Amino acid sequence: MIRYIRLTFTFYNTYSISSIVISLLSAGILRIGGMSFLVIVFWFKLISMGFIRIFINSYRENEYFYYQNLGLSKTALWTGSFVFDFVLFLTLIWGAYHLR
């Protein structure tokens, strides 16, 4: 299990900067606009994660062989990294809402 988490974080690091920037931007929009922007922020995050996945799949497709040789499938990598990213996103949204 520790190996799975470590490999998932290694994979997450390939797109973590863009994902964190999008999460921070979303939290800032929610902080300024209020809860009326929650649906817009949520869909913005989901659509941007779709674009990030398309980008990673097209430009780093050979990287998946490394993880497959270590016993992780594409589905396991994306599921673990999306869950972590979404928890981070929800934490930032919650923090931005309570800082108002």
Protein backbone atom coordinates (compact mmCIF):
# COMPACT_ATOMS: atom_id res chain seq x y z
CA MET A 1 0.00 0.00 0.00
CA ILE A 2 2.84 2.40 0.82
CA ARG A 3 4.38 1.62 -2.57
CA TYR A 4 1.10 2.42 -4.33
CA ILE A 5 0.82 5.77 -2.53
CA ARG A 6 4.43 6.66 -3.25
CA LEU A 7 4.10 5.81 -6.95
CA THR A 8 0.82 7.71 -7.19
CA PHE A 9 2.47 10.83 -5.73
CA THR A 10 5.36 10.43 -8.15
CA PHE A 11 2.86 10.35 -11.00
CA TYR A 12 0.92 13.28 -9.50
CA ASN A 13 4.09 15.36 -9.51
CA THR A 14 4.05 15.34 -13.34
CA TYR A 15 1.07 17.71 -13.32
CA SER A 16 0.87 18.94 -9.73
CA ILE A 17 1.88 22.54 -10.37
CA SER A 18 -0.86 23.17 -12.91
CA SER A 19 -3.42 21.36 -10.80
CA ILE A 20 -2.56 23.26 -7.63
CA VAL A 21 -2.61 26.59 -9.49
CA ILE A 22 -6.09 25.77 -10.82
CA SER A 23 -7.24 24.81 -7.32
CA LEU A 24 -5.86 28.04 -5.84
CA LEU A 25 -7.46 30.08 -8.61
CA SER A 26 -10.78 28.35 -7.96
CA ALA A 27 -10.51 29.01 -4.22
CA GLY A 28 -9.74 32.66 -4.92
CA ILE A 29 -12.75 32.99 -7.20
CA LEU A 30 -14.96 31.41 -4.57
CA ARG A 31 -13.55 33.67 -1.85
CA ILE A 32 -14.24 36.79 -3.89
CA GLY A 33 -17.55 35.77 -5.45
CA GLY A 34 -19.07 33.77 -2.62
CA MET A 35 -20.99 30.52 -2.63
CA SER A 36 -22.95 31.51 -5.72
CA PHE A 37 -19.86 30.64 -7.75
CA LEU A 38 -19.48 27.13 -6.29
CA VAL A 39 -21.02 25.33 -9.26
CA ILE A 40 -18.91 27.32 -11.73
CA VAL A 41 -15.73 26.65 -9.76
CA PHE A 42 -16.55 22.95 -9.49
CA TRP A 43 -17.10 22.56 -13.25
CA PHE A 44 -14.01 24.66 -13.99
CA LYS A 45 -11.94 22.24 -11.93
CA LEU A 46 -13.44 19.13 -13.55
CA ILE A 47 -13.02 20.46 -17.09
CA SER A 48 -9.45 21.58 -16.45
CA MET A 49 -8.61 18.14 -15.02
CA GLY A 50 -9.99 16.60 -18.21
CA PHE A 51 -7.67 18.79 -20.28
CA ILE A 52 -4.72 17.90 -18.06
CA ARG A 53 -5.48 14.20 -18.50
CA ILE A 54 -5.66 14.58 -22.30
CA PHE A 55 -2.35 16.46 -22.27
CA ILE A 56 -0.60 13.87 -20.08
CA ASN A 57 -1.99 10.97 -22.14
CA SER A 58 -0.78 12.47 -25.40
CA TYR A 59 2.65 13.72 -24.38
CA ARG A 60 3.71 11.23 -21.72
CA GLU A 61 2.17 7.99 -22.91
CA ASN A 62 5.47 6.10 -22.68
CA GLU A 63 5.73 6.96 -18.99
CA TYR A 64 2.89 4.53 -18.25
CA PHE A 65 5.19 1.60 -19.06
CA TYR A 66 7.31 2.52 -16.04
CA TYR A 67 4.32 2.30 -13.72
CA GLN A 68 2.97 -0.84 -15.40
CA ASN A 69 6.31 -2.55 -14.81
CA LEU A 70 5.94 -1.67 -11.14
CA GLY A 71 2.44 -3.16 -11.04
CA LEU A 72 0.17 -0.12 -11.43
CA SER A 73 -2.30 0.37 -14.24
CA LYS A 74 -3.30 3.67 -15.83
CA THR A 75 -6.64 3.47 -14.07
CA ALA A 76 -5.03 3.03 -10.66
CA LEU A 77 -2.66 5.95 -11.26
CA TRP A 78 -5.37 8.33 -12.41
CA THR A 79 -7.82 7.26 -9.71
CA GLY A 80 -5.32 7.76 -6.91
CA SER A 81 -4.04 11.07 -8.20
CA PHE A 82 -7.54 12.43 -8.93
CA VAL A 83 -8.75 11.47 -5.46
CA PHE A 84 -5.77 13.21 -3.85
CA ASP A 85 -6.19 16.27 -6.07
CA PHE A 86 -9.92 16.50 -5.40
CA VAL A 87 -9.40 16.23 -1.63
CA LEU A 88 -6.82 19.03 -1.90
CA PHE A 89 -9.29 21.06 -3.97
CA LEU A 90 -12.11 20.58 -1.45
CA THR A 91 -9.77 21.52 1.41
CA LEU A 92 -8.80 24.74 -0.35
CA ILE A 93 -12.43 25.54 -1.14
CA TRP A 94 -13.43 24.93 2.48
CA GLY A 95 -10.57 27.13 3.69
CA ALA A 96 -11.44 29.91 1.28
CA TYR A 97 -15.08 29.82 2.36
CA HIS A 98 -14.23 30.00 6.06
CA LEU A 99 -11.76 32.85 5.57
CA ARG A 100 -14.50 35.12 4.26
